[in-house]
Amino acid sequence: GELCFSPPLDELEEMIKSVIMTVCKSLQNVPGVQSWLSGAATFVPVKSAVEDNIIELNTKILSERVKGYFEKPRQHLKLLQDKYQYLVDGTAQREIDIFLSKECETATEARQDSSLQGRHFGDSFGR
């Protein structure tokens, strides 16, 4: 396991860019006033387009803003990863299992020692 954002921030950024491209494409298919006034079923679009350099510039700005917007959450995630990753990745569980297995071995040895001492104790009283 791993602590992370869902969806990943890169994926989120790509989704936002995809929305921008969809909006830009839809701007190229705006019905003209003639379509509204004629009342006919024909669709006369207004010839429009968003220049590529404007799209690129605004996409770059948006990308920078998305990264800036998520800077604090990234720092918080890093803090959480530094503190708690061992719980998520199984390290803590392995350490607990090792500790418990050593504890069980120690307890078993202690029981064996005490039972041996009990036999010697009983033997000294003639049992």
Protein backbone atom coordinates (compact mmCIF):
# COMPACT_ATOMS: atom_id res chain seq x y z
CA GLY A 1 0.00 0.00 0.00
CA GLU A 2 0.92 3.58 -0.44
CA LEU A 3 -0.42 6.93 0.68
CA CYS A 4 -1.26 8.94 -2.44
CA PHE A 5 -3.78 11.22 -4.10
CA SER A 6 -6.63 9.66 -6.01
CA PRO A 7 -6.80 10.45 -8.83
CA PRO A 8 -3.08 11.20 -9.15
CA LEU A 9 -2.39 14.91 -9.62
CA ASP A 10 -0.92 14.37 -13.09
CA GLU A 11 -4.12 12.59 -14.12
CA LEU A 12 -6.22 15.40 -12.64
CA GLU A 13 -4.20 17.96 -14.57
CA GLU A 14 -4.74 16.01 -17.80
CA MET A 15 -8.50 15.86 -17.13
CA ILE A 16 -8.59 19.64 -16.67
CA LYS A 17 -6.68 20.13 -19.93
CA SER A 18 -9.15 17.80 -21.64
CA VAL A 19 -12.04 19.94 -20.41
CA ILE A 20 -10.32 23.05 -21.80
CA MET A 21 -9.89 21.41 -25.20
CA THR A 22 -13.54 20.32 -25.20
CA VAL A 23 -14.66 23.88 -24.42
CA CYS A 24 -12.42 25.26 -27.19
CA LYS A 25 -13.86 22.79 -29.69
CA SER A 26 -17.40 23.63 -28.66
CA LEU A 27 -16.70 27.32 -29.29
CA GLN A 28 -16.15 26.45 -32.93
CA ASN A 29 -19.71 25.17 -33.33
CA VAL A 30 -21.77 28.09 -32.05
CA PRO A 31 -25.00 28.63 -33.98
CA GLY A 32 -25.16 31.98 -35.72
CA VAL A 33 -27.94 34.54 -35.46
CA GLN A 34 -29.18 33.43 -38.88
CA SER A 35 -29.89 29.97 -37.45
CA TRP A 36 -32.00 31.46 -34.68
CA LEU A 37 -33.88 33.91 -36.88
CA SER A 38 -34.65 31.51 -39.71
CA GLY A 39 -36.34 29.00 -37.43
CA ALA A 40 -35.32 26.34 -39.92
CA ALA A 41 -33.76 23.06 -38.96
CA THR A 42 -30.54 24.07 -40.67
CA PHE A 43 -27.59 24.89 -38.50
CA VAL A 44 -25.38 27.75 -39.62
CA PRO A 45 -22.35 27.96 -37.33
CA VAL A 46 -20.40 31.13 -36.75
CA LYS A 47 -16.89 30.71 -38.05
CA SER A 48 -14.78 31.03 -34.95
CA ALA A 49 -11.65 29.53 -33.55
CA VAL A 50 -9.37 29.97 -30.61
CA GLU A 51 -5.80 30.52 -31.68
CA ASP A 52 -3.39 27.72 -30.79
CA ASN A 53 -1.00 30.10 -29.04
CA ILE A 54 -3.84 31.29 -26.77
CA ILE A 55 -4.77 27.70 -25.96
CA GLU A 56 -1.13 26.82 -25.23
CA LEU A 57 -0.55 29.90 -23.07
CA ASN A 58 -3.72 29.41 -21.04
CA THR A 59 -3.12 25.68 -20.69
CA LYS A 60 0.35 26.44 -19.35
CA ILE A 61 -1.06 28.99 -16.90
CA LEU A 62 -3.76 26.55 -15.79
CA SER A 63 -1.17 23.81 -15.32
CA GLU A 64 0.93 26.10 -13.13
CA ARG A 65 -2.13 27.08 -11.10
CA VAL A 66 -3.13 23.45 -10.59
CA LYS A 67 0.38 22.63 -9.36
CA GLY A 68 0.36 25.69 -7.09
CA TYR A 69 -3.11 24.88 -5.78
CA PHE A 70 -2.00 21.38 -4.78
CA GLU A 71 1.36 22.38 -3.31
CA LYS A 72 0.07 22.47 0.30
CA PRO A 73 -1.77 19.14 -0.05
CA ARG A 74 1.43 17.62 -1.52
CA GLN A 75 3.42 18.87 1.47
CA HIS A 76 0.79 17.44 3.82
CA LEU A 77 0.86 14.11 1.97
CA LYS A 78 4.67 14.03 2.25
CA LEU A 79 4.36 14.65 6.00
CA LEU A 80 1.86 11.80 6.31
CA GLN A 81 4.06 9.51 4.23
CA ASP A 82 7.10 10.29 6.37
CA LYS A 83 5.19 9.61 9.59
CA TYR A 84 2.87 6.73 8.69
CA GLN A 85 4.13 4.93 5.58
CA TYR A 86 5.46 2.09 7.75
CA LEU A 87 1.87 1.36 8.81
CA VAL A 88 0.60 1.26 5.25
CA ASP A 89 3.45 -0.69 3.63
CA GLY A 90 3.39 -3.52 6.17
CA THR A 91 6.68 -2.74 7.94
CA ALA A 92 4.92 -2.23 11.27
CA GLN A 93 3.06 -5.54 10.92
CA ARG A 94 6.29 -7.40 10.20
CA GLU A 95 7.95 -5.82 13.25
CA ILE A 96 4.98 -6.77 15.44
CA ASP A 97 5.06 -10.34 14.11
CA ILE A 98 8.80 -10.62 14.86
CA PHE A 99 8.28 -9.17 18.33
CA LEU A 100 5.42 -11.55 19.08
CA SER A 101 7.33 -14.57 17.82
CA LYS A 102 10.30 -13.66 20.07
CA GLU A 103 7.91 -13.08 22.97
CA CYS A 104 6.37 -16.52 22.41
CA GLU A 105 9.82 -18.14 22.28
CA THR A 106 10.82 -16.40 25.52
CA ALA A 107 7.58 -17.43 27.24
CA THR A 108 8.01 -21.05 26.10
CA GLU A 109 11.59 -21.14 27.38
CA ALA A 110 10.48 -19.62 30.70
CA ARG A 111 7.77 -22.28 31.10
CA GLN A 112 10.26 -25.03 30.34
CA ASP A 113 12.74 -23.59 32.83
CA SER A 114 10.11 -23.32 35.55
CA SER A 115 8.88 -26.87 34.99
CA LEU A 116 12.45 -28.14 35.25
CA GLN A 117 12.99 -26.15 38.45
CA GLY A 118 9.75 -27.54 39.84
CA ARG A 119 10.99 -31.12 39.28
CA HIS A 120 14.26 -30.42 41.04
CA PHE A 121 12.40 -28.70 43.88
CA GLY A 122 10.10 -31.70 44.25
CA ASP A 123 13.02 -34.14 44.13
CA SER A 124 14.75 -32.39 47.02
CA PHE A 125 11.77 -33.09 49.28
CA GLY A 126 11.71 -36.77 48.51
CA ARG A 127 8.91 -36.82 46.05
